[in-house]
N, C-alpha and C. Protein backbone atom coordinates (compact mmCIF):
# COMPACT_ATOMS: atom_id res chain seq x y z
N MET A 1 107.97 88.43 71.93
CA MET A 1 106.89 88.62 72.79
C MET A 1 107.31 88.36 74.19
N ASN A 2 108.07 89.26 74.83
CA ASN A 2 108.55 89.11 76.15
C ASN A 2 107.70 89.70 77.23
N ASP A 3 106.67 90.47 76.80
CA ASP A 3 105.81 91.09 77.78
C ASP A 3 104.44 90.48 77.70
N LEU A 4 103.77 90.26 78.83
CA LEU A 4 102.45 89.76 78.88
C LEU A 4 101.40 90.82 78.72
N LEU A 5 101.74 92.05 79.23
CA LEU A 5 100.76 93.09 79.12
C LEU A 5 101.60 94.44 78.94
N SER A 6 101.13 95.16 77.88
CA SER A 6 101.79 96.42 77.58
C SER A 6 100.74 97.47 77.36
N TRP A 7 101.19 98.75 77.10
CA TRP A 7 100.20 99.77 76.87
C TRP A 7 99.44 99.46 75.55
N ALA A 8 100.12 98.80 74.60
CA ALA A 8 99.41 98.46 73.38
C ALA A 8 98.27 97.48 73.65
N HIS A 9 98.56 96.59 74.55
CA HIS A 9 97.50 95.59 74.93
C HIS A 9 96.30 96.25 75.70
N LEU A 10 96.69 97.23 76.52
CA LEU A 10 95.65 97.95 77.24
C LEU A 10 94.86 98.90 76.36
N GLY A 11 95.23 99.03 75.14
CA GLY A 11 94.46 99.82 74.18
C GLY A 11 93.33 99.01 73.57
N SER A 12 93.27 97.72 73.92
CA SER A 12 92.24 96.87 73.37
C SER A 12 91.28 96.34 74.44
N VAL A 13 90.09 96.08 74.03
CA VAL A 13 89.07 95.58 74.97
C VAL A 13 89.52 94.30 75.65
N ALA A 14 90.21 93.40 74.90
CA ALA A 14 90.61 92.16 75.48
C ALA A 14 91.75 92.37 76.52
N GLY A 15 92.67 93.27 76.27
CA GLY A 15 93.78 93.59 77.21
C GLY A 15 93.20 94.16 78.48
N VAL A 16 92.28 95.07 78.36
CA VAL A 16 91.71 95.65 79.54
C VAL A 16 90.89 94.61 80.32
N SER A 17 90.21 93.74 79.70
CA SER A 17 89.43 92.69 80.30
C SER A 17 90.29 91.76 81.13
N VAL A 18 91.45 91.35 80.55
CA VAL A 18 92.37 90.47 81.28
C VAL A 18 92.89 91.19 82.50
N ALA A 19 93.29 92.44 82.38
CA ALA A 19 93.81 93.16 83.50
C ALA A 19 92.74 93.33 84.55
N VAL A 20 91.53 93.62 84.18
CA VAL A 20 90.44 93.85 85.11
C VAL A 20 90.09 92.60 85.92
N VAL A 21 90.13 91.44 85.25
CA VAL A 21 89.90 90.21 85.93
C VAL A 21 90.92 89.99 87.04
N ALA A 22 92.16 90.13 86.66
CA ALA A 22 93.28 89.94 87.62
C ALA A 22 93.26 90.91 88.78
N LEU A 23 93.11 92.25 88.44
CA LEU A 23 93.12 93.27 89.48
C LEU A 23 91.88 93.20 90.39
N THR A 24 90.77 92.87 89.84
CA THR A 24 89.57 92.73 90.65
C THR A 24 89.71 91.65 91.69
N GLN A 25 90.31 90.48 91.27
CA GLN A 25 90.48 89.46 92.23
C GLN A 25 91.48 89.83 93.29
N ILE A 26 92.45 90.64 93.02
CA ILE A 26 93.36 91.08 94.02
C ILE A 26 92.70 92.20 94.96
N LEU A 27 92.04 93.08 94.38
CA LEU A 27 91.52 94.26 95.12
C LEU A 27 90.17 94.01 95.81
N LYS A 28 89.44 93.08 95.42
CA LYS A 28 88.01 92.93 95.97
C LYS A 28 88.05 92.64 97.44
N HIS A 29 89.16 92.21 98.06
CA HIS A 29 89.22 91.91 99.44
C HIS A 29 89.60 93.17 100.20
N TYR A 30 89.98 94.19 99.55
CA TYR A 30 90.44 95.44 100.19
C TYR A 30 89.46 96.63 100.06
N VAL A 31 88.34 96.39 99.40
CA VAL A 31 87.40 97.44 99.23
C VAL A 31 86.20 97.14 100.11
N PRO A 32 85.37 98.18 100.51
CA PRO A 32 84.21 97.90 101.35
C PRO A 32 83.24 96.87 100.68
N LYS A 33 82.63 96.11 101.57
CA LYS A 33 81.70 95.01 101.04
C LYS A 33 80.54 95.59 100.24
N ARG A 34 80.13 96.82 100.59
CA ARG A 34 78.97 97.39 99.91
C ARG A 34 79.33 97.71 98.48
N LEU A 35 80.53 97.84 98.20
CA LEU A 35 80.99 98.07 96.82
C LEU A 35 81.46 96.68 96.26
N GLY A 36 80.53 96.02 95.56
CA GLY A 36 80.76 94.72 95.11
C GLY A 36 81.81 94.56 94.04
N PRO A 37 82.25 93.35 93.81
CA PRO A 37 83.30 93.11 92.75
C PRO A 37 82.98 93.61 91.39
N LYS A 38 81.65 93.63 91.05
CA LYS A 38 81.26 94.09 89.70
C LYS A 38 81.48 95.59 89.58
N TRP A 39 81.29 96.32 90.66
CA TRP A 39 81.55 97.73 90.58
C TRP A 39 83.06 98.00 90.59
N VAL A 40 83.77 97.22 91.33
CA VAL A 40 85.25 97.34 91.34
C VAL A 40 85.73 97.09 89.89
N ALA A 41 85.17 96.08 89.26
CA ALA A 41 85.56 95.75 87.83
C ALA A 41 85.30 96.96 86.93
N LEU A 42 84.11 97.57 87.09
CA LEU A 42 83.77 98.73 86.23
C LEU A 42 84.69 99.89 86.46
N ILE A 43 85.00 100.20 87.75
CA ILE A 43 85.93 101.30 88.07
C ILE A 43 87.28 101.05 87.52
N LEU A 44 87.82 99.85 87.67
CA LEU A 44 89.10 99.49 87.12
C LEU A 44 89.13 99.54 85.61
N ALA A 45 88.11 99.14 84.95
CA ALA A 45 88.03 99.25 83.51
C ALA A 45 88.01 100.70 83.05
N LEU A 46 87.27 101.51 83.80
CA LEU A 46 87.33 102.93 83.39
C LEU A 46 88.68 103.58 83.56
N VAL A 47 89.35 103.27 84.72
CA VAL A 47 90.71 103.81 85.00
C VAL A 47 91.75 103.33 83.95
N LEU A 48 91.71 102.02 83.66
CA LEU A 48 92.63 101.46 82.71
C LEU A 48 92.42 101.96 81.29
N THR A 49 91.19 102.09 80.91
CA THR A 49 90.82 102.57 79.51
C THR A 49 91.22 103.97 79.37
N TYR A 50 90.93 104.83 80.36
CA TYR A 50 91.33 106.23 80.27
C TYR A 50 92.85 106.40 80.33
N ALA A 51 93.56 105.56 81.16
CA ALA A 51 94.94 105.64 81.21
C ALA A 51 95.58 105.28 79.87
N GLY A 52 95.10 104.18 79.29
CA GLY A 52 95.63 103.82 77.96
C GLY A 52 95.38 104.89 76.88
N GLN A 53 94.25 105.56 77.02
CA GLN A 53 93.92 106.63 76.09
C GLN A 53 94.92 107.78 76.30
N LEU A 54 95.21 108.12 77.50
CA LEU A 54 96.06 109.26 77.81
C LEU A 54 97.49 108.93 77.42
N VAL A 55 97.92 107.71 77.63
CA VAL A 55 99.32 107.32 77.19
C VAL A 55 99.44 107.35 75.71
N ALA A 56 98.36 106.99 74.99
CA ALA A 56 98.37 107.06 73.53
C ALA A 56 98.35 108.51 73.06
N GLY A 57 98.00 109.45 73.88
CA GLY A 57 98.03 110.86 73.48
C GLY A 57 96.69 111.32 72.84
N ASP A 58 95.65 110.57 73.06
CA ASP A 58 94.38 110.92 72.44
C ASP A 58 93.53 111.73 73.45
N PHE A 59 93.51 113.01 73.19
CA PHE A 59 92.83 113.92 74.06
C PHE A 59 91.51 114.54 73.50
N ALA A 60 91.05 113.96 72.43
CA ALA A 60 89.81 114.45 71.76
C ALA A 60 88.65 114.14 72.71
N PRO A 61 87.72 115.16 72.90
CA PRO A 61 86.59 114.93 73.79
C PRO A 61 85.67 113.80 73.42
N GLU A 62 85.52 113.56 72.12
CA GLU A 62 84.61 112.43 71.70
C GLU A 62 85.24 111.08 72.02
N SER A 63 86.59 111.10 72.16
CA SER A 63 87.26 109.84 72.50
C SER A 63 87.01 109.39 73.88
N PHE A 64 86.71 110.39 74.79
CA PHE A 64 86.54 110.00 76.21
C PHE A 64 85.17 109.31 76.32
N LEU A 65 84.16 109.65 75.54
CA LEU A 65 82.91 108.94 75.55
C LEU A 65 83.02 107.55 75.07
N LEU A 66 83.76 107.41 73.88
CA LEU A 66 83.99 106.16 73.36
C LEU A 66 84.79 105.27 74.30
N SER A 67 85.77 105.84 75.09
CA SER A 67 86.52 105.12 76.02
C SER A 67 85.59 104.59 77.14
N ALA A 68 84.63 105.40 77.55
CA ALA A 68 83.71 105.00 78.58
C ALA A 68 82.89 103.77 78.10
N LEU A 69 82.47 103.86 76.90
CA LEU A 69 81.68 102.66 76.40
C LEU A 69 82.59 101.45 76.25
N ASN A 70 83.79 101.62 75.83
CA ASN A 70 84.79 100.49 75.80
C ASN A 70 85.02 99.94 77.18
N ALA A 71 85.06 100.80 78.17
CA ALA A 71 85.29 100.33 79.58
C ALA A 71 84.11 99.49 80.07
N VAL A 72 82.88 99.90 79.73
CA VAL A 72 81.73 99.15 80.09
C VAL A 72 81.72 97.71 79.43
N LEU A 73 82.17 97.72 78.15
CA LEU A 73 82.28 96.51 77.42
C LEU A 73 83.37 95.60 78.04
N SER A 74 84.52 96.21 78.44
CA SER A 74 85.57 95.41 79.02
C SER A 74 85.14 94.90 80.42
N ALA A 75 84.47 95.73 81.19
CA ALA A 75 84.03 95.26 82.51
C ALA A 75 83.05 94.07 82.37
N GLY A 76 82.11 94.25 81.40
CA GLY A 76 81.14 93.14 81.12
C GLY A 76 81.86 91.87 80.67
N ALA A 77 82.87 92.04 79.83
CA ALA A 77 83.57 90.79 79.36
C ALA A 77 84.36 90.14 80.51
N SER A 78 84.96 90.96 81.32
CA SER A 78 85.70 90.42 82.47
C SER A 78 84.77 89.69 83.51
N ILE A 79 83.69 90.31 83.76
CA ILE A 79 82.68 89.72 84.73
C ILE A 79 82.13 88.44 84.15
N GLY A 80 81.81 88.45 82.85
CA GLY A 80 81.30 87.24 82.16
C GLY A 80 82.39 86.12 82.17
N ALA A 81 83.59 86.50 81.91
CA ALA A 81 84.66 85.51 81.85
C ALA A 81 84.84 84.91 83.26
N TYR A 82 84.75 85.68 84.33
CA TYR A 82 84.93 85.15 85.66
C TYR A 82 83.74 84.21 86.00
N GLU A 83 82.55 84.66 85.70
CA GLU A 83 81.39 83.84 86.00
C GLU A 83 81.31 82.60 85.15
N ALA A 84 81.84 82.62 83.96
CA ALA A 84 81.76 81.44 83.09
C ALA A 84 82.86 80.40 83.43
N PHE A 85 84.02 80.85 83.79
CA PHE A 85 85.17 79.94 83.99
C PHE A 85 85.56 79.71 85.40
N VAL A 86 85.57 80.77 86.22
CA VAL A 86 86.17 80.60 87.56
C VAL A 86 85.08 80.12 88.57
N GLU A 87 83.94 80.74 88.57
CA GLU A 87 82.92 80.43 89.51
C GLU A 87 82.46 78.99 89.48
N PRO A 88 82.25 78.34 88.33
CA PRO A 88 81.89 76.90 88.31
C PRO A 88 82.95 76.05 88.90
N ILE A 89 84.24 76.39 88.74
CA ILE A 89 85.33 75.53 89.34
C ILE A 89 85.31 75.72 90.77
N ALA A 90 85.22 76.93 91.28
CA ALA A 90 85.16 77.17 92.69
C ALA A 90 83.95 76.53 93.37
N HIS A 91 82.82 76.50 92.69
CA HIS A 91 81.62 75.99 93.18
C HIS A 91 81.76 74.45 93.26
N SER A 92 82.34 73.80 92.26
CA SER A 92 82.49 72.33 92.26
C SER A 92 83.49 71.89 93.32
N GLU A 93 84.50 72.70 93.58
CA GLU A 93 85.43 72.34 94.68
C GLU A 93 84.75 72.47 96.04
N HIS A 94 83.87 73.42 96.19
CA HIS A 94 83.16 73.62 97.44
C HIS A 94 82.23 72.48 97.67
N VAL A 95 81.52 71.97 96.57
CA VAL A 95 80.58 70.90 96.71
C VAL A 95 81.28 69.60 97.08
N GLU A 96 82.45 69.33 96.44
CA GLU A 96 83.19 68.16 96.77
C GLU A 96 83.66 68.07 98.19
N ARG A 97 83.98 69.19 98.75
CA ARG A 97 84.43 69.21 100.14
C ARG A 97 83.32 69.00 101.15
N SER A 98 82.09 69.31 100.73
CA SER A 98 81.00 69.22 101.65
C SER A 98 80.62 67.77 101.96
């Protein structure tokens, strides 16, 4: 297990969720403010899910709909993970400094 993220990992909801959390935190400072981090997460999840599907060679039309649903699930999981684990820590550090 020498790789942390591979195309096989991006074929799963958990793998896409991990990548979306990381990439959203990096990219949210470079996108317009009107496009919030939750939309960035959804767009990234769609791109990563479709990229994983294309790398796997799955070009069936019904698979693209299923990939869209998986992307929504991945985006929701990544947003929920961020709000459950990272926001409380950041909030508690902010409160302690005040």
